mmCIF file of all heavy atoms, coordinates in Angstrom:
data_MODEL
# 
_entry.id   MODEL 
# 
loop_
_atom_site.group_PDB 
_atom_site.id 
_atom_site.type_symbol 
_atom_site.label_atom_id 
_atom_site.label_alt_id 
_atom_site.label_comp_id 
_atom_site.label_asym_id 
_atom_site.label_entity_id 
_atom_site.label_seq_id 
_atom_site.pdbx_PDB_ins_code 
_atom_site.Cartn_x 
_atom_site.Cartn_y 
_atom_site.Cartn_z 
_atom_site.occupancy 
_atom_site.B_iso_or_equiv 
_atom_site.pdbx_formal_charge 
_atom_site.auth_seq_id 
_atom_site.auth_comp_id 
_atom_site.auth_asym_id 
_atom_site.auth_atom_id 
_atom_site.pdbx_PDB_model_num 
ATOM 1   N N   . GLU A 1 1  ? -12.811 -57.967 -14.343 1.00 0.00 ? 1  GLU A N   1 
ATOM 2   C CA  . GLU A 1 1  ? -12.598 -56.973 -15.339 1.00 0.00 ? 1  GLU A CA  1 
ATOM 3   C C   . GLU A 1 1  ? -13.000 -57.428 -16.742 1.00 0.00 ? 1  GLU A C   1 
ATOM 4   O O   . GLU A 1 1  ? -13.729 -56.698 -17.475 1.00 0.00 ? 1  GLU A O   1 
ATOM 5   C CB  . GLU A 1 1  ? -11.183 -56.441 -15.344 1.00 0.00 ? 1  GLU A CB  1 
ATOM 6   C CG  . GLU A 1 1  ? -10.789 -55.353 -16.388 1.00 0.00 ? 1  GLU A CG  1 
ATOM 7   C CD  . GLU A 1 1  ? -9.415  -54.923 -16.259 1.00 0.00 ? 1  GLU A CD  1 
ATOM 8   O OE1 . GLU A 1 1  ? -8.657  -55.489 -15.422 1.00 0.00 ? 1  GLU A OE1 1 
ATOM 9   O OE2 . GLU A 1 1  ? -8.993  -54.026 -17.085 1.00 0.00 ? 1  GLU A OE2 1 
ATOM 10  N N   . LYS A 1 2  ? -12.620 -58.613 -17.084 1.00 0.00 ? 2  LYS A N   1 
ATOM 11  C CA  . LYS A 1 2  ? -12.964 -59.146 -18.394 1.00 0.00 ? 2  LYS A CA  1 
ATOM 12  C C   . LYS A 1 2  ? -14.422 -59.382 -18.614 1.00 0.00 ? 2  LYS A C   1 
ATOM 13  O O   . LYS A 1 2  ? -15.061 -59.036 -19.630 1.00 0.00 ? 2  LYS A O   1 
ATOM 14  C CB  . LYS A 1 2  ? -12.214 -60.440 -18.681 1.00 0.00 ? 2  LYS A CB  1 
ATOM 15  C CG  . LYS A 1 2  ? -10.721 -60.302 -18.842 1.00 0.00 ? 2  LYS A CG  1 
ATOM 16  C CD  . LYS A 1 2  ? -10.032 -61.536 -19.625 1.00 0.00 ? 2  LYS A CD  1 
ATOM 17  C CE  . LYS A 1 2  ? -10.420 -61.392 -21.094 1.00 0.00 ? 2  LYS A CE  1 
ATOM 18  N NZ  . LYS A 1 2  ? -9.602  -62.295 -21.907 1.00 0.00 ? 2  LYS A NZ  1 
ATOM 19  N N   . ALA A 1 3  ? -15.022 -59.973 -17.585 1.00 0.00 ? 3  ALA A N   1 
ATOM 20  C CA  . ALA A 1 3  ? -16.441 -60.281 -17.674 1.00 0.00 ? 3  ALA A CA  1 
ATOM 21  C C   . ALA A 1 3  ? -17.365 -59.113 -17.568 1.00 0.00 ? 3  ALA A C   1 
ATOM 22  O O   . ALA A 1 3  ? -18.349 -58.940 -18.291 1.00 0.00 ? 3  ALA A O   1 
ATOM 23  C CB  . ALA A 1 3  ? -16.863 -61.341 -16.593 1.00 0.00 ? 3  ALA A CB  1 
ATOM 24  N N   . ALA A 1 4  ? -16.976 -58.120 -16.709 1.00 0.00 ? 4  ALA A N   1 
ATOM 25  C CA  . ALA A 1 4  ? -17.854 -56.943 -16.620 1.00 0.00 ? 4  ALA A CA  1 
ATOM 26  C C   . ALA A 1 4  ? -17.899 -56.128 -17.883 1.00 0.00 ? 4  ALA A C   1 
ATOM 27  O O   . ALA A 1 4  ? -18.926 -55.561 -18.175 1.00 0.00 ? 4  ALA A O   1 
ATOM 28  C CB  . ALA A 1 4  ? -17.225 -56.087 -15.452 1.00 0.00 ? 4  ALA A CB  1 
ATOM 29  N N   . ALA A 1 5  ? -16.779 -56.122 -18.661 1.00 0.00 ? 5  ALA A N   1 
ATOM 30  C CA  . ALA A 1 5  ? -16.803 -55.376 -19.962 1.00 0.00 ? 5  ALA A CA  1 
ATOM 31  C C   . ALA A 1 5  ? -17.813 -56.006 -20.884 1.00 0.00 ? 5  ALA A C   1 
ATOM 32  O O   . ALA A 1 5  ? -18.170 -55.291 -21.854 1.00 0.00 ? 5  ALA A O   1 
ATOM 33  C CB  . ALA A 1 5  ? -15.409 -55.486 -20.513 1.00 0.00 ? 5  ALA A CB  1 
ATOM 34  N N   . HIS A 1 6  ? -18.170 -57.155 -20.757 1.00 0.00 ? 6  HIS A N   1 
ATOM 35  C CA  . HIS A 1 6  ? -19.182 -57.862 -21.597 1.00 0.00 ? 6  HIS A CA  1 
ATOM 36  C C   . HIS A 1 6  ? -20.557 -57.998 -20.959 1.00 0.00 ? 6  HIS A C   1 
ATOM 37  O O   . HIS A 1 6  ? -21.399 -58.713 -21.470 1.00 0.00 ? 6  HIS A O   1 
ATOM 38  C CB  . HIS A 1 6  ? -18.687 -59.306 -22.076 1.00 0.00 ? 6  HIS A CB  1 
ATOM 39  C CG  . HIS A 1 6  ? -17.541 -59.200 -22.999 1.00 0.00 ? 6  HIS A CG  1 
ATOM 40  N ND1 . HIS A 1 6  ? -17.621 -59.053 -24.318 1.00 0.00 ? 6  HIS A ND1 1 
ATOM 41  C CD2 . HIS A 1 6  ? -16.206 -59.209 -22.679 1.00 0.00 ? 6  HIS A CD2 1 
ATOM 42  C CE1 . HIS A 1 6  ? -16.379 -59.084 -24.913 1.00 0.00 ? 6  HIS A CE1 1 
ATOM 43  N NE2 . HIS A 1 6  ? -15.515 -59.110 -23.923 1.00 0.00 ? 6  HIS A NE2 1 
ATOM 44  N N   . GLY A 1 7  ? -20.764 -57.330 -19.859 1.00 0.00 ? 7  GLY A N   1 
ATOM 45  C CA  . GLY A 1 7  ? -22.096 -57.308 -19.214 1.00 0.00 ? 7  GLY A CA  1 
ATOM 46  C C   . GLY A 1 7  ? -22.493 -58.623 -18.606 1.00 0.00 ? 7  GLY A C   1 
ATOM 47  O O   . GLY A 1 7  ? -23.660 -58.843 -18.369 1.00 0.00 ? 7  GLY A O   1 
ATOM 48  N N   . VAL A 1 8  ? -21.501 -59.366 -18.244 1.00 0.00 ? 8  VAL A N   1 
ATOM 49  C CA  . VAL A 1 8  ? -21.770 -60.736 -17.568 1.00 0.00 ? 8  VAL A CA  1 
ATOM 50  C C   . VAL A 1 8  ? -21.986 -60.571 -16.055 1.00 0.00 ? 8  VAL A C   1 
ATOM 51  O O   . VAL A 1 8  ? -21.327 -59.827 -15.396 1.00 0.00 ? 8  VAL A O   1 
ATOM 52  C CB  . VAL A 1 8  ? -20.590 -61.686 -17.800 1.00 0.00 ? 8  VAL A CB  1 
ATOM 53  C CG1 . VAL A 1 8  ? -20.681 -62.955 -17.058 1.00 0.00 ? 8  VAL A CG1 1 
ATOM 54  C CG2 . VAL A 1 8  ? -20.416 -61.968 -19.294 1.00 0.00 ? 8  VAL A CG2 1 
ATOM 55  N N   . GLY A 1 9  ? -22.938 -61.346 -15.588 1.00 0.00 ? 9  GLY A N   1 
ATOM 56  C CA  . GLY A 1 9  ? -23.144 -61.483 -14.059 1.00 0.00 ? 9  GLY A CA  1 
ATOM 57  C C   . GLY A 1 9  ? -24.229 -60.721 -13.432 1.00 0.00 ? 9  GLY A C   1 
ATOM 58  O O   . GLY A 1 9  ? -24.283 -60.634 -12.268 1.00 0.00 ? 9  GLY A O   1 
ATOM 59  N N   . ARG A 1 10 ? -25.089 -60.144 -14.243 1.00 0.00 ? 10 ARG A N   1 
ATOM 60  C CA  . ARG A 1 10 ? -26.232 -59.409 -13.734 1.00 0.00 ? 10 ARG A CA  1 
ATOM 61  C C   . ARG A 1 10 ? -27.372 -60.277 -13.419 1.00 0.00 ? 10 ARG A C   1 
ATOM 62  O O   . ARG A 1 10 ? -27.765 -61.119 -14.216 1.00 0.00 ? 10 ARG A O   1 
ATOM 63  C CB  . ARG A 1 10 ? -26.713 -58.288 -14.613 1.00 0.00 ? 10 ARG A CB  1 
ATOM 64  C CG  . ARG A 1 10 ? -25.773 -57.163 -14.851 1.00 0.00 ? 10 ARG A CG  1 
ATOM 65  C CD  . ARG A 1 10 ? -26.433 -56.121 -15.728 1.00 0.00 ? 10 ARG A CD  1 
ATOM 66  N NE  . ARG A 1 10 ? -25.615 -54.937 -15.811 1.00 0.00 ? 10 ARG A NE  1 
ATOM 67  C CZ  . ARG A 1 10 ? -25.932 -53.723 -16.353 1.00 0.00 ? 10 ARG A CZ  1 
ATOM 68  N NH1 . ARG A 1 10 ? -27.227 -53.605 -16.849 1.00 0.00 ? 10 ARG A NH1 1 
ATOM 69  N NH2 . ARG A 1 10 ? -25.147 -52.705 -16.387 1.00 0.00 ? 10 ARG A NH2 1 
ATOM 70  N N   . ILE A 1 11 ? -28.027 -60.215 -12.242 1.00 0.00 ? 11 ILE A N   1 
ATOM 71  C CA  . ILE A 1 11 ? -29.274 -60.886 -11.948 1.00 0.00 ? 11 ILE A CA  1 
ATOM 72  C C   . ILE A 1 11 ? -30.212 -59.920 -11.194 1.00 0.00 ? 11 ILE A C   1 
ATOM 73  O O   . ILE A 1 11 ? -29.765 -59.066 -10.470 1.00 0.00 ? 11 ILE A O   1 
ATOM 74  C CB  . ILE A 1 11 ? -29.190 -62.195 -11.230 1.00 0.00 ? 11 ILE A CB  1 
ATOM 75  C CG1 . ILE A 1 11 ? -28.497 -61.960 -9.815  1.00 0.00 ? 11 ILE A CG1 1 
ATOM 76  C CG2 . ILE A 1 11 ? -28.340 -63.178 -12.008 1.00 0.00 ? 11 ILE A CG2 1 
ATOM 77  C CD1 . ILE A 1 11 ? -28.604 -63.230 -8.908  1.00 0.00 ? 11 ILE A CD1 1 
ATOM 78  N N   . ASP A 1 12 ? -31.529 -60.109 -11.304 1.00 0.00 ? 12 ASP A N   1 
ATOM 79  C CA  . ASP A 1 12 ? -32.526 -59.325 -10.692 1.00 0.00 ? 12 ASP A CA  1 
ATOM 80  C C   . ASP A 1 12 ? -33.396 -60.338 -10.131 1.00 0.00 ? 12 ASP A C   1 
ATOM 81  O O   . ASP A 1 12 ? -34.208 -61.093 -10.846 1.00 0.00 ? 12 ASP A O   1 
ATOM 82  C CB  . ASP A 1 12 ? -33.210 -58.437 -11.670 1.00 0.00 ? 12 ASP A CB  1 
ATOM 83  C CG  . ASP A 1 12 ? -34.387 -57.654 -11.124 1.00 0.00 ? 12 ASP A CG  1 
ATOM 84  O OD1 . ASP A 1 12 ? -34.769 -57.867 -9.911  1.00 0.00 ? 12 ASP A OD1 1 
ATOM 85  O OD2 . ASP A 1 12 ? -34.989 -56.898 -11.846 1.00 0.00 ? 12 ASP A OD2 1 
ATOM 86  N N   . ILE A 1 13 ? -33.496 -60.517 -8.732  1.00 0.00 ? 13 ILE A N   1 
ATOM 87  C CA  . ILE A 1 13 ? -34.253 -61.579 -8.164  1.00 0.00 ? 13 ILE A CA  1 
ATOM 88  C C   . ILE A 1 13 ? -35.067 -61.203 -6.946  1.00 0.00 ? 13 ILE A C   1 
ATOM 89  O O   . ILE A 1 13 ? -34.811 -60.132 -6.337  1.00 0.00 ? 13 ILE A O   1 
ATOM 90  C CB  . ILE A 1 13 ? -33.334 -62.751 -7.724  1.00 0.00 ? 13 ILE A CB  1 
ATOM 91  C CG1 . ILE A 1 13 ? -32.314 -62.244 -6.669  1.00 0.00 ? 13 ILE A CG1 1 
ATOM 92  C CG2 . ILE A 1 13 ? -32.550 -63.377 -8.916  1.00 0.00 ? 13 ILE A CG2 1 
ATOM 93  C CD1 . ILE A 1 13 ? -31.480 -63.355 -5.992  1.00 0.00 ? 13 ILE A CD1 1 
ATOM 94  N N   . VAL A 1 14 ? -36.044 -61.908 -6.668  1.00 0.00 ? 14 VAL A N   1 
ATOM 95  C CA  . VAL A 1 14 ? -36.794 -61.861 -5.425  1.00 0.00 ? 14 VAL A CA  1 
ATOM 96  C C   . VAL A 1 14 ? -36.407 -63.126 -4.593  1.00 0.00 ? 14 VAL A C   1 
ATOM 97  O O   . VAL A 1 14 ? -36.516 -64.258 -5.121  1.00 0.00 ? 14 VAL A O   1 
ATOM 98  C CB  . VAL A 1 14 ? -38.270 -61.801 -5.611  1.00 0.00 ? 14 VAL A CB  1 
ATOM 99  C CG1 . VAL A 1 14 ? -39.055 -61.897 -4.269  1.00 0.00 ? 14 VAL A CG1 1 
ATOM 100 C CG2 . VAL A 1 14 ? -38.689 -60.523 -6.357  1.00 0.00 ? 14 VAL A CG2 1 
ATOM 101 N N   . GLU A 1 15 ? -35.846 -62.976 -3.478  1.00 0.00 ? 15 GLU A N   1 
ATOM 102 C CA  . GLU A 1 15 ? -35.319 -64.062 -2.659  1.00 0.00 ? 15 GLU A CA  1 
ATOM 103 C C   . GLU A 1 15 ? -36.089 -64.244 -1.371  1.00 0.00 ? 15 GLU A C   1 
ATOM 104 O O   . GLU A 1 15 ? -36.650 -63.225 -0.799  1.00 0.00 ? 15 GLU A O   1 
ATOM 105 C CB  . GLU A 1 15 ? -33.819 -63.945 -2.358  1.00 0.00 ? 15 GLU A CB  1 
ATOM 106 C CG  . GLU A 1 15 ? -33.526 -62.809 -1.477  1.00 0.00 ? 15 GLU A CG  1 
ATOM 107 C CD  . GLU A 1 15 ? -32.023 -62.465 -1.572  1.00 0.00 ? 15 GLU A CD  1 
ATOM 108 O OE1 . GLU A 1 15 ? -31.571 -61.923 -2.603  1.00 0.00 ? 15 GLU A OE1 1 
ATOM 109 O OE2 . GLU A 1 15 ? -31.288 -62.723 -0.515  1.00 0.00 ? 15 GLU A OE2 1 
ATOM 110 N N   . ASN A 1 16 ? -35.969 -65.334 -0.775  1.00 0.00 ? 16 ASN A N   1 
ATOM 111 C CA  . ASN A 1 16 ? -36.542 -65.613 0.603   1.00 0.00 ? 16 ASN A CA  1 
ATOM 112 C C   . ASN A 1 16 ? -35.480 -65.342 1.593   1.00 0.00 ? 16 ASN A C   1 
ATOM 113 O O   . ASN A 1 16 ? -34.480 -66.065 1.680   1.00 0.00 ? 16 ASN A O   1 
ATOM 114 C CB  . ASN A 1 16 ? -37.095 -67.003 0.689   1.00 0.00 ? 16 ASN A CB  1 
ATOM 115 C CG  . ASN A 1 16 ? -38.347 -67.317 -0.039  1.00 0.00 ? 16 ASN A CG  1 
ATOM 116 O OD1 . ASN A 1 16 ? -39.336 -66.612 0.173   1.00 0.00 ? 16 ASN A OD1 1 
ATOM 117 N ND2 . ASN A 1 16 ? -38.277 -68.118 -1.087  1.00 0.00 ? 16 ASN A ND2 1 
ATOM 118 N N   . ARG A 1 17 ? -35.686 -64.296 2.376   1.00 0.00 ? 17 ARG A N   1 
ATOM 119 C CA  . ARG A 1 17 ? -34.773 -64.000 3.492   1.00 0.00 ? 17 ARG A CA  1 
ATOM 120 C C   . ARG A 1 17 ? -34.932 -65.034 4.599   1.00 0.00 ? 17 ARG A C   1 
ATOM 121 O O   . ARG A 1 17 ? -36.014 -65.606 4.849   1.00 0.00 ? 17 ARG A O   1 
ATOM 122 C CB  . ARG A 1 17 ? -34.906 -62.647 4.068   1.00 0.00 ? 17 ARG A CB  1 
ATOM 123 C CG  . ARG A 1 17 ? -34.420 -61.527 3.184   1.00 0.00 ? 17 ARG A CG  1 
ATOM 124 C CD  . ARG A 1 17 ? -34.623 -60.139 3.926   1.00 0.00 ? 17 ARG A CD  1 
ATOM 125 N NE  . ARG A 1 17 ? -34.178 -59.013 3.091   1.00 0.00 ? 17 ARG A NE  1 
ATOM 126 C CZ  . ARG A 1 17 ? -34.269 -57.759 3.459   1.00 0.00 ? 17 ARG A CZ  1 
ATOM 127 N NH1 . ARG A 1 17 ? -34.933 -57.439 4.576   1.00 0.00 ? 17 ARG A NH1 1 
ATOM 128 N NH2 . ARG A 1 17 ? -33.835 -56.858 2.703   1.00 0.00 ? 17 ARG A NH2 1 
ATOM 129 N N   . LEU A 1 18 ? -33.882 -65.210 5.337   1.00 0.00 ? 18 LEU A N   1 
ATOM 130 C CA  . LEU A 1 18 ? -33.863 -66.151 6.487   1.00 0.00 ? 18 LEU A CA  1 
ATOM 131 C C   . LEU A 1 18 ? -34.918 -65.680 7.470   1.00 0.00 ? 18 LEU A C   1 
ATOM 132 O O   . LEU A 1 18 ? -35.545 -66.565 8.209   1.00 0.00 ? 18 LEU A O   1 
ATOM 133 C CB  . LEU A 1 18 ? -32.456 -66.216 7.101   1.00 0.00 ? 18 LEU A CB  1 
ATOM 134 C CG  . LEU A 1 18 ? -32.282 -66.933 8.427   1.00 0.00 ? 18 LEU A CG  1 
ATOM 135 C CD1 . LEU A 1 18 ? -32.678 -68.433 8.282   1.00 0.00 ? 18 LEU A CD1 1 
ATOM 136 C CD2 . LEU A 1 18 ? -30.821 -66.839 8.860   1.00 0.00 ? 18 LEU A CD2 1 
ATOM 137 N N   . VAL A 1 19 ? -35.101 -64.399 7.707   1.00 0.00 ? 19 VAL A N   1 
ATOM 138 C CA  . VAL A 1 19 ? -35.951 -63.904 8.698   1.00 0.00 ? 19 VAL A CA  1 
ATOM 139 C C   . VAL A 1 19 ? -37.400 -63.949 8.395   1.00 0.00 ? 19 VAL A C   1 
ATOM 140 O O   . VAL A 1 19 ? -38.249 -63.504 9.149   1.00 0.00 ? 19 VAL A O   1 
ATOM 141 C CB  . VAL A 1 19 ? -35.629 -62.431 9.082   1.00 0.00 ? 19 VAL A CB  1 
ATOM 142 C CG1 . VAL A 1 19 ? -34.254 -62.442 9.812   1.00 0.00 ? 19 VAL A CG1 1 
ATOM 143 C CG2 . VAL A 1 19 ? -35.606 -61.538 7.910   1.00 0.00 ? 19 VAL A CG2 1 
ATOM 144 N N   . GLY A 1 20 ? -37.811 -64.465 7.192   1.00 0.00 ? 20 GLY A N   1 
ATOM 145 C CA  . GLY A 1 20 ? -39.127 -64.766 6.874   1.00 0.00 ? 20 GLY A CA  1 
ATOM 146 C C   . GLY A 1 20 ? -39.774 -63.999 5.796   1.00 0.00 ? 20 GLY A C   1 
ATOM 147 O O   . GLY A 1 20 ? -40.789 -64.396 5.228   1.00 0.00 ? 20 GLY A O   1 
ATOM 148 N N   . MET A 1 21 ? -39.209 -62.831 5.370   1.00 0.00 ? 21 MET A N   1 
ATOM 149 C CA  . MET A 1 21 ? -39.862 -61.973 4.377   1.00 0.00 ? 21 MET A CA  1 
ATOM 150 C C   . MET A 1 21 ? -39.149 -62.256 3.022   1.00 0.00 ? 21 MET A C   1 
ATOM 151 O O   . MET A 1 21 ? -38.018 -62.702 3.000   1.00 0.00 ? 21 MET A O   1 
ATOM 152 C CB  . MET A 1 21 ? -39.726 -60.491 4.765   1.00 0.00 ? 21 MET A CB  1 
ATOM 153 C CG  . MET A 1 21 ? -38.354 -59.968 4.820   1.00 0.00 ? 21 MET A CG  1 
ATOM 154 S SD  . MET A 1 21 ? -38.295 -58.255 5.425   1.00 0.00 ? 21 MET A SD  1 
ATOM 155 C CE  . MET A 1 21 ? -38.450 -58.555 7.212   1.00 0.00 ? 21 MET A CE  1 
ATOM 156 N N   . LYS A 1 22 ? -39.760 -61.773 1.970   1.00 0.00 ? 22 LYS A N   1 
ATOM 157 C CA  . LYS A 1 22 ? -39.088 -61.720 0.707   1.00 0.00 ? 22 LYS A CA  1 
ATOM 158 C C   . LYS A 1 22 ? -38.442 -60.396 0.427   1.00 0.00 ? 22 LYS A C   1 
ATOM 159 O O   . LYS A 1 22 ? -38.942 -59.358 0.886   1.00 0.00 ? 22 LYS A O   1 
ATOM 160 C CB  . LYS A 1 22 ? -40.177 -62.039 -0.437  1.00 0.00 ? 22 LYS A CB  1 
ATOM 161 C CG  . LYS A 1 22 ? -40.629 -63.554 -0.446  1.00 0.00 ? 22 LYS A CG  1 
ATOM 162 C CD  . LYS A 1 22 ? -41.535 -63.755 -1.588  1.00 0.00 ? 22 LYS A CD  1 
ATOM 163 C CE  . LYS A 1 22 ? -42.090 -65.170 -1.654  1.00 0.00 ? 22 LYS A CE  1 
ATOM 164 N NZ  . LYS A 1 22 ? -40.990 -66.165 -1.995  1.00 0.00 ? 22 LYS A NZ  1 
ATOM 165 N N   . SER A 1 23 ? -37.365 -60.414 -0.360  1.00 0.00 ? 23 SER A N   1 
ATOM 166 C CA  . SER A 1 23 ? -36.742 -59.098 -0.676  1.00 0.00 ? 23 SER A CA  1 
ATOM 167 C C   . SER A 1 23 ? -36.301 -59.266 -2.132  1.00 0.00 ? 23 SER A C   1 
ATOM 168 O O   . SER A 1 23 ? -36.043 -60.299 -2.678  1.00 0.00 ? 23 SER A O   1 
ATOM 169 C CB  . SER A 1 23 ? -35.550 -58.855 0.203   1.00 0.00 ? 23 SER A CB  1 
ATOM 170 O OG  . SER A 1 23 ? -34.503 -59.854 0.027   1.00 0.00 ? 23 SER A OG  1 
ATOM 171 N N   . ARG A 1 24 ? -36.313 -58.036 -2.699  1.00 0.00 ? 24 ARG A N   1 
ATOM 172 C CA  . ARG A 1 24 ? -35.868 -57.896 -4.218  1.00 0.00 ? 24 ARG A CA  1 
ATOM 173 C C   . ARG A 1 24 ? -34.493 -57.277 -4.212  1.00 0.00 ? 24 ARG A C   1 
ATOM 174 O O   . ARG A 1 24 ? -34.235 -56.325 -3.502  1.00 0.00 ? 24 ARG A O   1 
ATOM 175 C CB  . ARG A 1 24 ? -36.898 -57.054 -4.937  1.00 0.00 ? 24 ARG A CB  1 
ATOM 176 C CG  . ARG A 1 24 ? -36.787 -57.159 -6.407  1.00 0.00 ? 24 ARG A CG  1 
ATOM 177 C CD  . ARG A 1 24 ? -35.991 -56.041 -7.047  1.00 0.00 ? 24 ARG A CD  1 
ATOM 178 N NE  . ARG A 1 24 ? -36.097 -56.040 -8.506  1.00 0.00 ? 24 ARG A NE  1 
ATOM 179 C CZ  . ARG A 1 24 ? -36.870 -55.183 -9.187  1.00 0.00 ? 24 ARG A CZ  1 
ATOM 180 N NH1 . ARG A 1 24 ? -37.664 -54.254 -8.530  1.00 0.00 ? 24 ARG A NH1 1 
ATOM 181 N NH2 . ARG A 1 24 ? -36.950 -55.154 -10.519 1.00 0.00 ? 24 ARG A NH2 1 
ATOM 182 N N   . GLY A 1 25 ? -33.606 -57.872 -4.879  1.00 0.00 ? 25 GLY A N   1 
ATOM 183 C CA  . GLY A 1 25 ? -32.229 -57.371 -5.055  1.00 0.00 ? 25 GLY A CA  1 
ATOM 184 C C   . GLY A 1 25 ? -31.667 -57.550 -6.424  1.00 0.00 ? 25 GLY A C   1 
ATOM 185 O O   . GLY A 1 25 ? -32.003 -58.495 -7.127  1.00 0.00 ? 25 GLY A O   1 
ATOM 186 N N   . CYS A 1 26 ? -30.765 -56.678 -6.816  1.00 0.00 ? 26 CYS A N   1 
ATOM 187 C CA  . CYS A 1 26 ? -30.031 -56.800 -8.026  1.00 0.00 ? 26 CYS A CA  1 
ATOM 188 C C   . CYS A 1 26 ? -28.575 -57.032 -7.678  1.00 0.00 ? 26 CYS A C   1 
ATOM 189 O O   . CYS A 1 26 ? -28.005 -56.387 -6.792  1.00 0.00 ? 26 CYS A O   1 
ATOM 190 C CB  . CYS A 1 26 ? -30.197 -55.536 -8.842  1.00 0.00 ? 26 CYS A CB  1 
ATOM 191 S SG  . CYS A 1 26 ? -31.778 -55.302 -9.598  1.00 0.00 ? 26 CYS A SG  1 
ATOM 192 N N   . TYR A 1 27 ? -27.950 -58.070 -8.272  1.00 0.00 ? 27 TYR A N   1 
ATOM 193 C CA  . TYR A 1 27 ? -26.652 -58.466 -7.976  1.00 0.00 ? 27 TYR A CA  1 
ATOM 194 C C   . TYR A 1 27 ? -25.770 -58.466 -9.264  1.00 0.00 ? 27 TYR A C   1 
ATOM 195 O O   . TYR A 1 27 ? -26.218 -58.825 -10.370 1.00 0.00 ? 27 TYR A O   1 
ATOM 196 C CB  . TYR A 1 27 ? -26.619 -59.845 -7.370  1.00 0.00 ? 27 TYR A CB  1 
ATOM 197 C CG  . TYR A 1 27 ? -27.374 -59.971 -6.105  1.00 0.00 ? 27 TYR A CG  1 
ATOM 198 C CD1 . TYR A 1 27 ? -28.713 -60.432 -6.083  1.00 0.00 ? 27 TYR A CD1 1 
ATOM 199 C CD2 . TYR A 1 27 ? -26.728 -59.719 -4.887  1.00 0.00 ? 27 TYR A CD2 1 
ATOM 200 C CE1 . TYR A 1 27 ? -29.396 -60.555 -4.940  1.00 0.00 ? 27 TYR A CE1 1 
ATOM 201 C CE2 . TYR A 1 27 ? -27.444 -59.843 -3.645  1.00 0.00 ? 27 TYR A CE2 1 
ATOM 202 C CZ  . TYR A 1 27 ? -28.697 -60.330 -3.716  1.00 0.00 ? 27 TYR A CZ  1 
ATOM 203 O OH  . TYR A 1 27 ? -29.478 -60.402 -2.519  1.00 0.00 ? 27 TYR A OH  1 
ATOM 204 N N   . GLU A 1 28 ? -24.523 -58.056 -9.130  1.00 0.00 ? 28 GLU A N   1 
ATOM 205 C CA  . GLU A 1 28 ? -23.555 -58.148 -10.136 1.00 0.00 ? 28 GLU A CA  1 
ATOM 206 C C   . GLU A 1 28 ? -22.383 -58.980 -9.742  1.00 0.00 ? 28 GLU A C   1 
ATOM 207 O O   . GLU A 1 28 ? -21.643 -58.582 -8.777  1.00 0.00 ? 28 GLU A O   1 
ATOM 208 C CB  . GLU A 1 28 ? -23.049 -56.667 -10.537 1.00 0.00 ? 28 GLU A CB  1 
ATOM 209 C CG  . GLU A 1 28 ? -24.156 -55.770 -11.048 1.00 0.00 ? 28 GLU A CG  1 
ATOM 210 C CD  . GLU A 1 28 ? -23.726 -54.389 -11.321 1.00 0.00 ? 28 GLU A CD  1 
ATOM 211 O OE1 . GLU A 1 28 ? -23.157 -54.154 -12.457 1.00 0.00 ? 28 GLU A OE1 1 
ATOM 212 O OE2 . GLU A 1 28 ? -23.825 -53.508 -10.386 1.00 0.00 ? 28 GLU A OE2 1 
ATOM 213 N N   . THR A 1 29 ? -22.144 -60.090 -10.354 1.00 0.00 ? 29 THR A N   1 
ATOM 214 C CA  . THR A 1 29 ? -21.100 -60.954 -10.047 1.00 0.00 ? 29 THR A CA  1 
ATOM 215 C C   . THR A 1 29 ? -20.410 -61.444 -11.334 1.00 0.00 ? 29 THR A C   1 
ATOM 216 O O   . THR A 1 29 ? -20.463 -62.608 -11.707 1.00 0.00 ? 29 THR A O   1 
ATOM 217 C CB  . THR A 1 29 ? -21.701 -62.218 -9.288  1.00 0.00 ? 29 THR A CB  1 
ATOM 218 O OG1 . THR A 1 29 ? -22.669 -61.812 -8.422  1.00 0.00 ? 29 THR A OG1 1 
ATOM 219 C CG2 . THR A 1 29 ? -20.622 -63.027 -8.564  1.00 0.00 ? 29 THR A CG2 1 
ATOM 220 N N   . PRO A 1 30 ? -19.635 -60.530 -11.954 1.00 0.00 ? 30 PRO A N   1 
ATOM 221 C CA  . PRO A 1 30 ? -19.063 -60.878 -13.287 1.00 0.00 ? 30 PRO A CA  1 
ATOM 222 C C   . PRO A 1 30 ? -18.042 -62.034 -13.229 1.00 0.00 ? 30 PRO A C   1 
ATOM 223 O O   . PRO A 1 30 ? -18.260 -62.991 -13.968 1.00 0.00 ? 30 PRO A O   1 
ATOM 224 C CB  . PRO A 1 30 ? -18.465 -59.521 -13.752 1.00 0.00 ? 30 PRO A CB  1 
ATOM 225 C CG  . PRO A 1 30 ? -18.262 -58.725 -12.463 1.00 0.00 ? 30 PRO A CG  1 
ATOM 226 C CD  . PRO A 1 30 ? -19.350 -59.149 -11.617 1.00 0.00 ? 30 PRO A CD  1 
# 
């Protein structure tokens, strides 16, 4: 609650999946 109010924890990444392909995801982990 405290961190989300300040916009903390956003990332936009391209990651290597275990199954071999790349994927793009946005994550919020305040």
